[in-house]
Amino acid sequence: MRKTVVIDVVGLTPAAIGENTPFLKKWAEGAKMAAVGHVLPAVTCSVQATYLTGKWPTEHGIVANGWYFRDECEPKLWRQSNKLVEATKIWEVAKAEDPTFTCANICWWYAMYSSADYTVTPRPQYLSDGRKMPDCYTYPMELRTQLEAKLGTFPLFEFWGPRTTINSSRWIAEAAIETDRLHDPTLTLVYLPHLDYNAQRYGPTDARVATDLREIDQVCEKLATYFESKGAQVIFLSEYGIAAASRPVHLNRVLRENGYLSIREERGLELLDAGTCQAFALADHQLAHIYVNDPSKLAAVRQLLEQVPGVEKIIGPEEKAAYHLDHSRAGELIAVAEKGAWFTYYYWLDDAKAPDFARIVDIHRKPGYDPVEMFTNPNIKLLMPKVGLKLLRKKLGFRMLMDIIPLDATLVKGSHGRPPETPVEGPLLMSRNTQLIPNDNVEATAVFDVILAHLRG
């Protein structure tokens, strides 16, 4: 099979390629670009699983970036085991055809415990004293030591949160190059998240996004130049475009006000008790899974949510198959946001009773996605000295809470998940092997076939 690298530049769209991306613009002149069809929801885990299996969420089971684990009665996001993907992956198909084939997964999601030959993925250390330390997981295990010797520790706090920078994508790109030098895999998958940040914070047309485009363009140039010098075929790919969205919709608050939510109080703070809720929403960008534990309430919950401003539609049990979301992990109902709107996970009615994790970066305990984690609370006076004192306590081994995240969802100005308004605002696929991209529009499940065709040569 032919050596191939797939560079997933999150948030890159045909409309974004221009004066701020001189390398990609020039590279695209000798390539064929296709618009990639929509996956509902257009979020990282669902889209990547669709690309890597050639199947829809109905079959591979990744219905969002997280879902309600019914047997444990807990909503969980950003799990990492590849065993959760219930379909054959592209590297397994390739290896069955060619036993010498190898694959390196550099930060695509659900990387852990897969059958890929080489793996790199963010994985913090959660210490027993409550501290979270930057780190990554690799397979084989010694790859982590080799990468850290060359690149330093993975910059976790620049990968997500208020301190996001280009450094995380640069580290990932360098890790892909170093892994290739060490192992020369046939297929390398590279995930570059940089365009996900300011476009959500400030909106896709903000001037700061132009700087992001220039920065990621340089990273793409380094990757393409290196891999093409090794004789590899380069594919540029993205998962979704980010659209302007400044209207937060609080579905759980609506459900609570109508008696469907179950809340327990601990230390004066409120926690969502998913297992005893009649219904609750797991919000993920512009889509929310509505889990209705009491089937007798299904029709009433649907009727209620259909009337909520900012909800474009509610997908019911009989309609889920048409949207490729007919899977047991999906909610009994699925809400899709209107243009310009997005869904929060917020369920409290009084900020004074919000749980302690609401004011920190915590992607695992929140029962939904929280883009407000990219902001610091503008109402905190002398923020940096206070952060410095908290970090000093952390270094000295004391417990501390980095409670600097605001509870103001109106700060967010961009989102994704619903279909793009036009193809040029959605995801793309580019290759210089123009004959291997059959049309100007490629179904999301057909990305699998395009990558496999490159490998087969």
Protein backbone atom coordinates (compact mmCIF):
# COMPACT_ATOMS: atom_id res chain seq x y z
CA MET A 1 0.00 0.00 0.00
CA ARG A 2 1.07 3.59 -0.63
CA LYS A 3 2.21 5.87 2.18
CA THR A 4 -0.52 8.39 3.04
CA VAL A 5 -1.08 11.12 5.63
CA VAL A 6 -4.52 12.53 6.47
CA ILE A 7 -4.35 15.97 8.10
CA ASP A 8 -7.60 16.85 9.85
CA VAL A 9 -7.70 20.65 10.18
CA VAL A 10 -10.73 21.22 12.36
CA GLY A 11 -12.89 24.16 11.26
CA LEU A 12 -11.21 24.57 7.86
CA THR A 13 -13.72 25.35 5.12
CA PRO A 14 -13.44 26.20 1.41
CA ALA A 15 -14.41 29.77 2.30
CA ALA A 16 -11.51 30.02 4.80
CA ILE A 17 -8.81 29.24 2.23
CA GLY A 18 -7.49 32.52 0.88
CA GLU A 19 -5.12 35.33 1.74
CA ASN A 20 -4.69 34.17 5.33
CA THR A 21 -3.69 30.67 4.22
CA PRO A 22 -1.08 31.26 1.49
CA PHE A 23 0.36 27.75 1.66
CA LEU A 24 -3.00 25.97 1.57
CA LYS A 25 -4.22 28.28 -1.19
CA LYS A 26 -1.20 27.46 -3.35
CA TRP A 27 -1.34 23.76 -2.48
CA ALA A 28 -5.03 23.63 -3.41
CA GLU A 29 -4.29 24.99 -6.89
CA GLY A 30 -2.71 21.66 -7.75
CA ALA A 31 -5.32 19.61 -5.92
CA LYS A 32 -8.99 18.73 -6.15
CA MET A 33 -11.23 20.04 -3.41
CA ALA A 34 -14.58 18.51 -2.54
CA ALA A 35 -17.22 19.58 -0.06
CA VAL A 36 -17.96 16.86 2.48
CA GLY A 37 -21.55 16.06 3.35
CA HIS A 38 -23.09 16.63 6.76
CA VAL A 39 -22.95 14.29 9.73
CA LEU A 40 -25.53 14.95 12.44
CA PRO A 41 -24.18 16.01 14.81
CA ALA A 42 -21.20 17.72 13.16
CA VAL A 43 -18.96 17.27 16.20
CA THR A 44 -15.49 15.74 16.44
CA CYS A 45 -16.20 12.25 17.74
CA SER A 46 -19.19 11.54 15.48
CA VAL A 47 -17.53 12.88 12.33
CA GLN A 48 -14.17 11.20 12.89
CA ALA A 49 -15.84 7.85 13.59
CA THR A 50 -17.83 8.23 10.36
CA TYR A 51 -14.69 8.99 8.33
CA LEU A 52 -12.71 6.11 9.83
CA THR A 53 -15.42 3.45 9.47
CA GLY A 54 -17.40 4.55 6.43
CA LYS A 55 -20.54 4.05 8.52
CA TRP A 56 -23.14 6.38 10.00
CA PRO A 57 -23.63 6.86 13.77
CA THR A 58 -26.52 4.39 13.56
CA GLU A 59 -23.90 1.70 12.94
CA HIS A 60 -20.73 2.90 14.67
CA GLY A 61 -22.56 4.18 17.74
CA ILE A 62 -20.78 7.51 18.25
CA VAL A 63 -23.91 9.63 18.45
CA ALA A 64 -22.14 12.74 19.84
CA ASN A 65 -19.02 13.63 21.82
CA GLY A 66 -20.72 11.82 24.67
CA TRP A 67 -23.99 10.25 25.69
CA TYR A 68 -25.97 8.90 28.64
CA PHE A 69 -24.57 5.59 29.82
CA ARG A 70 -27.91 4.09 30.78
CA ASP A 71 -26.47 1.16 32.72
CA GLU A 72 -24.50 3.54 34.96
CA CYS A 73 -27.09 6.34 34.93
CA GLU A 74 -24.36 8.85 34.09
CA PRO A 75 -23.83 11.21 31.16
CA LYS A 76 -20.21 10.94 30.02
CA LEU A 77 -18.33 12.92 27.40
CA TRP A 78 -14.90 12.58 25.83
CA ARG A 79 -14.30 8.93 26.61
CA GLN A 80 -11.14 7.57 24.99
CA SER A 81 -11.42 3.82 24.45
CA ASN A 82 -11.63 2.78 20.82
CA LYS A 83 -13.78 -0.16 21.91
CA LEU A 84 -16.71 2.27 21.94
CA VAL A 85 -16.60 2.52 18.13
CA GLU A 86 -18.80 -0.35 16.97
CA ALA A 87 -17.55 -0.73 13.41
CA THR A 88 -14.43 -1.83 11.56
CA LYS A 89 -11.82 0.91 11.19
CA ILE A 90 -9.94 1.78 8.03
CA TRP A 91 -6.60 0.53 9.35
CA GLU A 92 -8.16 -2.86 10.08
CA VAL A 93 -9.43 -3.12 6.49
CA ALA A 94 -6.03 -2.09 5.12
CA LYS A 95 -4.11 -4.50 7.32
CA ALA A 96 -6.36 -7.38 6.23
CA GLU A 97 -5.34 -6.62 2.64
CA ASP A 98 -1.67 -5.99 3.36
CA PRO A 99 -0.07 -7.50 6.51
CA THR A 100 2.85 -5.05 6.24
CA PHE A 101 0.52 -2.05 6.58
CA THR A 102 0.88 0.07 9.72
CA CYS A 103 -1.08 3.03 11.05
CA ALA A 104 -0.22 5.92 13.37
CA ASN A 105 -3.10 7.76 15.05
CA ILE A 106 -1.85 11.15 16.23
CA CYS A 107 -4.65 12.61 18.37
CA TRP A 108 -7.74 11.56 16.41
CA TRP A 109 -10.38 10.70 19.00
CA TYR A 110 -11.03 7.27 20.53
CA ALA A 111 -7.35 6.50 20.12
CA MET A 112 -6.73 4.39 23.20
CA TYR A 113 -6.72 0.60 23.05
CA SER A 114 -7.31 0.43 19.32
CA SER A 115 -5.69 -1.92 16.82
CA ALA A 116 -3.65 0.94 15.32
CA ASP A 117 0.10 0.31 15.52
CA TYR A 118 1.10 3.67 16.99
CA THR A 119 -0.99 6.03 19.09
CA VAL A 120 -0.59 9.47 20.61
CA THR A 121 -3.47 11.14 22.47
CA PRO A 122 -3.91 13.71 25.27
CA ARG A 123 -4.25 12.03 28.65
CA PRO A 124 -3.75 14.11 31.82
CA GLN A 125 -2.48 12.66 35.06
CA TYR A 126 -5.17 12.95 37.73
CA LEU A 127 -3.29 12.90 41.01
CA SER A 128 -4.79 11.68 44.27
CA ASP A 129 -4.45 15.15 45.82
CA GLY A 130 -6.80 16.60 43.19
CA ARG A 131 -4.21 18.05 40.84
CA LYS A 132 -4.38 17.60 37.05
CA MET A 133 -1.01 17.36 35.31
CA PRO A 134 -0.37 17.71 31.56
CA ASP A 135 0.52 14.44 29.87
CA CYS A 136 -0.27 12.19 26.92
CA TYR A 137 -0.86 8.49 26.37
CA THR A 138 1.05 6.61 23.70
CA TYR A 139 1.28 3.15 22.29
CA PRO A 140 3.81 1.67 22.40
CA MET A 141 4.46 3.06 25.87
CA GLU A 142 8.04 4.07 25.16
CA LEU A 143 6.89 6.41 22.38
CA ARG A 144 5.78 8.88 25.07
CA THR A 145 9.30 9.05 26.49
CA GLN A 146 10.78 9.45 23.03
CA LEU A 147 8.38 12.27 22.10
CA GLU A 148 8.80 14.12 25.39
CA ALA A 149 12.58 13.98 25.04
CA LYS A 150 12.24 15.80 21.70
CA LEU A 151 9.16 17.96 22.21
CA GLY A 152 8.64 18.37 25.93
CA THR A 153 5.41 17.62 27.78
CA PHE A 154 2.19 17.81 25.77
CA PRO A 155 0.82 21.37 26.34
CA LEU A 156 -2.53 20.26 27.75
CA PHE A 157 -3.60 23.67 29.05
CA GLU A 158 -3.05 25.14 25.57
CA PHE A 159 -5.11 22.33 24.01
CA TRP A 160 -8.36 23.36 25.74
CA GLY A 161 -9.43 26.10 28.13
CA PRO A 162 -8.79 29.85 28.39
CA ARG A 163 -5.11 29.44 27.44
CA THR A 164 -5.55 27.71 24.08
CA THR A 165 -2.81 28.56 21.56
CA ILE A 166 -1.23 27.23 18.39
CA ASN A 167 1.31 25.39 20.55
CA SER A 168 -0.91 22.33 21.00
CA SER A 169 -1.35 21.89 17.23
CA ARG A 170 2.37 22.47 16.71
CA TRP A 171 3.18 19.80 19.26
CA ILE A 172 0.81 17.35 17.58
CA ALA A 173 2.34 18.06 14.17
CA GLU A 174 5.87 17.56 15.52
CA ALA A 175 4.73 14.33 17.19
CA ALA A 176 3.42 13.08 13.83
CA ILE A 177 6.76 13.85 12.16
CA GLU A 178 8.78 12.27 14.95
CA THR A 179 6.59 9.14 14.97
CA ASP A 180 7.10 8.86 11.23
CA ARG A 181 10.87 9.14 11.62
CA LEU A 182 10.84 6.40 14.24
CA HIS A 183 8.38 3.98 12.66
CA ASP A 184 7.54 4.99 9.04
CA PRO A 185 3.82 4.03 9.22
CA THR A 186 1.89 3.52 6.02
CA LEU A 187 -1.02 5.70 7.16
CA THR A 188 -0.68 8.64 9.53
CA LEU A 189 -3.74 10.41 10.91
CA VAL A 190 -3.08 13.91 12.29
CA TYR A 191 -5.59 16.04 14.23
CA LEU A 192 -5.02 19.81 14.33
CA PRO A 193 -7.58 21.56 16.60
CA HIS A 194 -6.39 25.17 16.47
CA LEU A 195 -9.24 26.67 14.41
CA ASP A 196 -11.77 25.33 16.92
CA TYR A 197 -10.99 27.98 19.52
CA ASN A 198 -11.37 31.65 18.63
CA ALA A 199 -14.06 30.93 16.05
CA GLN A 200 -16.20 29.63 18.92
CA ARG A 201 -15.08 32.28 21.38
CA TYR A 202 -15.47 35.35 19.20
CA GLY A 203 -17.26 34.16 16.07
CA PRO A 204 -15.88 32.98 12.72
CA THR A 205 -15.48 36.47 11.24
CA ASP A 206 -13.52 37.94 14.16
CA ALA A 207 -10.10 39.40 13.25
CA ARG A 208 -8.39 37.02 15.67
CA VAL A 209 -9.49 34.08 13.51
CA ALA A 210 -7.40 35.49 10.64
CA THR A 211 -4.33 35.15 12.86
CA ASP A 212 -5.35 31.57 13.68
CA LEU A 213 -5.60 30.79 9.98
CA ARG A 214 -2.09 32.10 9.35
CA GLU A 215 -0.74 30.07 12.25
CA ILE A 216 -2.36 26.79 11.23
CA ASP A 217 -1.34 27.38 7.61
CA GLN A 218 2.30 27.33 8.71
CA VAL A 219 1.76 24.06 10.59
CA CYS A 220 0.10 22.53 7.53
CA GLU A 221 3.01 23.65 5.37
CA LYS A 222 5.52 21.96 7.65
CA LEU A 223 3.55 18.72 7.72
CA ALA A 224 2.88 18.58 3.98
CA THR A 225 6.47 19.49 3.10
CA TYR A 226 7.86 16.80 5.39
CA PHE A 227 5.50 14.00 4.34
CA GLU A 228 5.70 14.80 0.63
CA SER A 229 9.50 14.64 0.92
CA LYS A 230 9.00 11.08 2.17
CA GLY A 231 6.90 10.19 -0.85
CA ALA A 232 3.61 10.27 1.04
CA GLN A 233 0.28 11.27 -0.43
CA VAL A 234 -1.23 14.14 1.54
CA ILE A 235 -4.95 14.52 2.18
CA PHE A 236 -6.32 17.63 3.88
CA LEU A 237 -9.64 17.11 5.59
CA SER A 238 -11.94 18.85 8.05
CA GLU A 239 -14.94 17.89 10.16
CA TYR A 240 -17.19 20.95 10.13
CA GLY A 241 -17.27 24.70 9.74
CA ILE A 242 -17.99 26.99 12.66
CA ALA A 243 -20.93 29.34 12.22
CA ALA A 244 -21.87 32.49 14.08
CA ALA A 245 -23.99 31.54 17.09
CA SER A 246 -24.62 33.93 19.95
CA ARG A 247 -27.96 32.71 21.33
CA PRO A 248 -27.61 30.11 24.11
CA VAL A 249 -30.62 27.86 24.70
CA HIS A 250 -30.97 26.28 28.17
CA LEU A 251 -33.01 23.13 27.56
CA ASN A 252 -32.40 21.69 31.02
CA ARG A 253 -33.72 24.83 32.67
CA VAL A 254 -36.90 24.50 30.62
CA LEU A 255 -37.21 20.86 31.63
CA ARG A 256 -36.58 21.76 35.27
CA GLU A 257 -39.18 24.51 35.32
CA ASN A 258 -41.69 21.99 34.02
CA GLY A 259 -40.93 19.33 36.61
CA TYR A 260 -38.92 16.84 34.56
CA LEU A 261 -35.47 17.30 36.11
CA SER A 262 -34.27 15.74 39.35
CA ILE A 263 -31.80 17.79 41.40
CA ARG A 264 -29.94 16.85 44.57
CA GLU A 265 -28.22 19.32 46.83
CA GLU A 266 -24.70 18.83 48.20
CA ARG A 267 -23.00 21.48 50.35
CA GLY A 268 -25.56 24.00 49.17
CA LEU A 269 -24.78 23.33 45.50
CA GLU A 270 -26.99 21.57 42.96
CA LEU A 271 -26.20 18.41 41.00
CA LEU A 272 -28.21 16.92 38.16
CA ASP A 273 -29.36 13.42 39.20
CA ALA A 274 -29.71 11.89 35.75
CA GLY A 275 -30.91 8.47 36.91
CA THR A 276 -34.01 9.87 38.60
CA CYS A 277 -34.85 12.54 36.03
CA GLN A 278 -38.03 12.00 34.07
CA ALA A 279 -36.18 13.70 31.22
CA PHE A 280 -32.95 15.67 30.79
CA ALA A 281 -30.85 17.05 27.94
CA LEU A 282 -27.24 16.17 27.18
CA ALA A 283 -26.20 19.22 25.19
CA ASP A 284 -23.43 19.03 22.59
CA HIS A 285 -22.95 22.24 20.61
CA GLN A 286 -26.00 22.62 18.33
CA LEU A 287 -27.49 19.21 19.08
CA ALA A 288 -28.89 17.80 22.30
CA HIS A 289 -29.90 14.26 23.14
CA ILE A 290 -33.03 14.27 25.29
CA TYR A 291 -33.13 11.19 27.49
CA VAL A 292 -36.66 10.45 28.63
CA ASN A 293 -36.47 7.94 31.46
CA ASP A 294 -40.26 7.94 31.85
CA PRO A 295 -41.71 6.78 28.49
CA SER A 296 -45.14 8.08 29.44
CA LYS A 297 -43.73 11.62 29.30
CA LEU A 298 -42.28 11.36 25.78
CA ALA A 299 -45.06 13.14 23.90
CA ALA A 300 -45.35 15.90 26.50
CA VAL A 301 -41.59 16.51 26.56
CA ARG A 302 -41.48 16.69 22.79
CA GLN A 303 -44.37 19.14 22.66
CA LEU A 304 -42.69 21.30 25.31
CA LEU A 305 -39.29 21.44 23.63
CA GLU A 306 -40.73 22.09 20.17
CA GLN A 307 -42.01 25.40 21.53
CA VAL A 308 -38.65 26.56 22.96
CA PRO A 309 -37.19 29.56 21.08
CA GLY A 310 -33.95 28.53 19.39
CA VAL A 311 -35.01 24.94 18.74
CA GLU A 312 -35.31 24.26 15.01
CA LYS A 313 -36.69 20.75 15.30
CA ILE A 314 -37.14 17.76 17.55
CA ILE A 315 -36.33 14.37 16.07
CA GLY A 316 -38.49 11.60 17.50
CA PRO A 317 -38.03 7.81 17.68
CA GLU A 318 -39.73 7.20 14.36
CA GLU A 319 -37.54 9.82 12.61
CA LYS A 320 -34.08 9.00 13.95
CA ALA A 321 -33.26 6.46 11.22
CA ALA A 322 -33.62 9.16 8.55
CA TYR A 323 -30.93 11.18 10.34
CA HIS A 324 -28.63 8.16 10.83
CA LEU A 325 -29.02 8.38 14.62
CA ASP A 326 -31.13 5.31 15.26
CA HIS A 327 -28.87 3.85 17.96
CA SER A 328 -29.51 2.85 21.56
CA ARG A 329 -27.04 5.47 22.80
CA ALA A 330 -29.06 8.30 21.28
CA GLY A 331 -31.69 10.12 23.27
CA GLU A 332 -35.34 9.21 22.91
CA LEU A 333 -35.63 12.70 21.40
CA ILE A 334 -32.96 14.77 19.63
CA ALA A 335 -33.03 18.56 19.51
CA VAL A 336 -31.37 20.55 16.72
CA ALA A 337 -30.69 24.26 17.24
CA GLU A 338 -31.81 27.02 14.94
CA LYS A 339 -29.28 29.01 12.96
CA GLY A 340 -27.43 31.29 15.37
CA ALA A 341 -28.35 29.26 18.47
CA TRP A 342 -26.61 26.58 20.52
CA PHE A 343 -27.45 24.43 23.55
CA THR A 344 -25.96 24.79 27.03
CA TYR A 345 -25.92 22.09 29.69
CA TYR A 346 -26.97 24.60 32.40
CA TYR A 347 -29.65 23.25 34.73
CA TRP A 348 -29.46 25.53 37.82
CA LEU A 349 -31.73 28.55 38.14
CA ASP A 350 -29.51 30.44 40.60
CA ASP A 351 -25.78 30.88 39.84
CA ALA A 352 -25.07 30.76 43.57
CA LYS A 353 -26.14 27.11 43.52
CA ALA A 354 -24.17 26.10 40.41
CA PRO A 355 -21.88 23.12 41.11
CA ASP A 356 -18.22 23.82 41.80
CA PHE A 357 -17.17 22.18 38.53
CA ALA A 358 -19.23 24.72 36.56
CA ARG A 359 -16.58 27.37 37.22
CA ILE A 360 -13.58 25.27 36.21
CA VAL A 361 -12.37 23.48 33.09
CA ASP A 362 -13.82 20.01 33.58
CA ILE A 363 -14.80 18.15 30.44
CA HIS A 364 -15.82 14.99 32.29
CA ARG A 365 -18.14 15.96 35.15
CA LYS A 366 -20.32 18.42 33.26
CA PRO A 367 -23.44 16.74 31.77
CA GLY A 368 -22.84 18.40 28.43
CA TYR A 369 -20.34 20.37 26.37
CA ASP A 370 -19.28 23.76 27.76
CA PRO A 371 -17.58 26.23 25.37
CA VAL A 372 -17.60 28.85 28.13
CA GLU A 373 -14.53 26.98 29.43
CA MET A 374 -12.54 29.00 26.89
CA PHE A 375 -13.16 32.21 28.83
CA THR A 376 -12.04 33.62 32.15
CA ASN A 377 -14.56 35.39 34.32
CA PRO A 378 -14.38 39.11 33.44
CA ASN A 379 -15.83 39.98 36.85
CA ILE A 380 -12.85 38.62 38.79
CA LYS A 381 -10.67 41.55 39.85
CA LEU A 382 -6.88 41.06 39.80
CA LEU A 383 -7.37 37.81 37.92
CA MET A 384 -3.73 37.08 37.07
CA PRO A 385 -2.39 37.57 40.64
CA LYS A 386 -5.17 35.28 41.90
CA VAL A 387 -4.31 32.65 39.29
CA GLY A 388 -0.66 32.95 40.26
CA LEU A 389 -1.50 32.28 43.91
CA LYS A 390 -3.60 29.26 42.95
CA LEU A 391 -0.76 27.86 40.82
CA LEU A 392 1.67 28.40 43.70
CA ARG A 393 -0.61 26.40 45.99
CA LYS A 394 -0.74 23.68 43.35
CA LYS A 395 3.06 23.54 43.05
CA LEU A 396 3.35 23.31 46.81
CA GLY A 397 1.04 20.29 46.76
CA PHE A 398 -2.04 21.97 48.24
CA ARG A 399 -5.54 21.45 46.93
CA MET A 400 -6.98 24.37 45.02
CA LEU A 401 -9.91 25.09 42.73
CA MET A 402 -9.14 27.01 39.53
CA ASP A 403 -12.62 28.54 39.63
CA ILE A 404 -12.11 31.25 37.01
CA ILE A 405 -14.64 30.16 34.36
CA PRO A 406 -17.70 32.43 34.03
CA LEU A 407 -21.31 31.29 33.93
CA ASP A 408 -22.30 33.64 31.12
CA ALA A 409 -23.15 31.61 28.03
CA THR A 410 -23.76 34.77 26.00
CA LEU A 411 -19.98 35.21 25.75
CA VAL A 412 -19.85 32.42 23.13
CA LYS A 413 -20.14 33.67 19.54
CA GLY A 414 -19.68 30.54 17.39
CA SER A 415 -20.81 26.93 17.28
CA HIS A 416 -21.31 23.89 15.03
CA GLY A 417 -23.33 20.71 14.82
CA ARG A 418 -26.26 21.61 12.56
CA PRO A 419 -25.92 21.55 8.75
CA PRO A 420 -23.95 24.43 7.19
CA GLU A 421 -25.90 27.06 5.30
CA THR A 422 -23.82 26.49 2.15
CA PRO A 423 -21.19 23.88 1.16
CA VAL A 424 -18.36 26.45 1.24
CA GLU A 425 -19.09 26.95 4.96
CA GLY A 426 -18.82 23.23 5.68
CA PRO A 427 -16.05 20.62 5.79
CA LEU A 428 -13.70 19.90 2.90
CA LEU A 429 -11.50 17.17 1.45
CA MET A 430 -8.42 17.94 -0.69
CA SER A 431 -5.91 15.74 -2.50
CA ARG A 432 -3.45 16.14 -5.34
CA ASN A 433 -4.46 12.68 -6.52
CA THR A 434 -7.39 14.33 -8.20
CA GLN A 435 -8.67 11.17 -9.87
CA LEU A 436 -9.28 9.62 -6.43
CA ILE A 437 -11.87 12.23 -5.48
CA PRO A 438 -14.79 11.29 -7.71
CA ASN A 439 -17.05 14.33 -7.30
CA ASP A 440 -17.15 17.91 -6.10
CA ASN A 441 -19.35 16.73 -3.23
CA VAL A 442 -18.40 13.68 -1.17
CA GLU A 443 -20.69 11.94 1.32
CA ALA A 444 -19.17 11.79 4.80
CA THR A 445 -19.19 7.99 4.74
CA ALA A 446 -17.32 8.07 1.39
CA VAL A 447 -14.29 9.78 2.97
CA PHE A 448 -13.38 6.27 4.12
CA ASP A 449 -13.39 5.11 0.49
CA VAL A 450 -11.26 8.05 -0.66
CA ILE A 451 -8.60 7.37 1.97
CA LEU A 452 -8.61 3.66 1.18
CA ALA A 453 -8.27 4.40 -2.54
CA HIS A 454 -5.16 6.46 -1.79
CA LEU A 455 -3.69 3.61 0.23
CA ARG A 456 -4.41 1.12 -2.54
CA GLY A 457 -2.84 3.47 -5.07
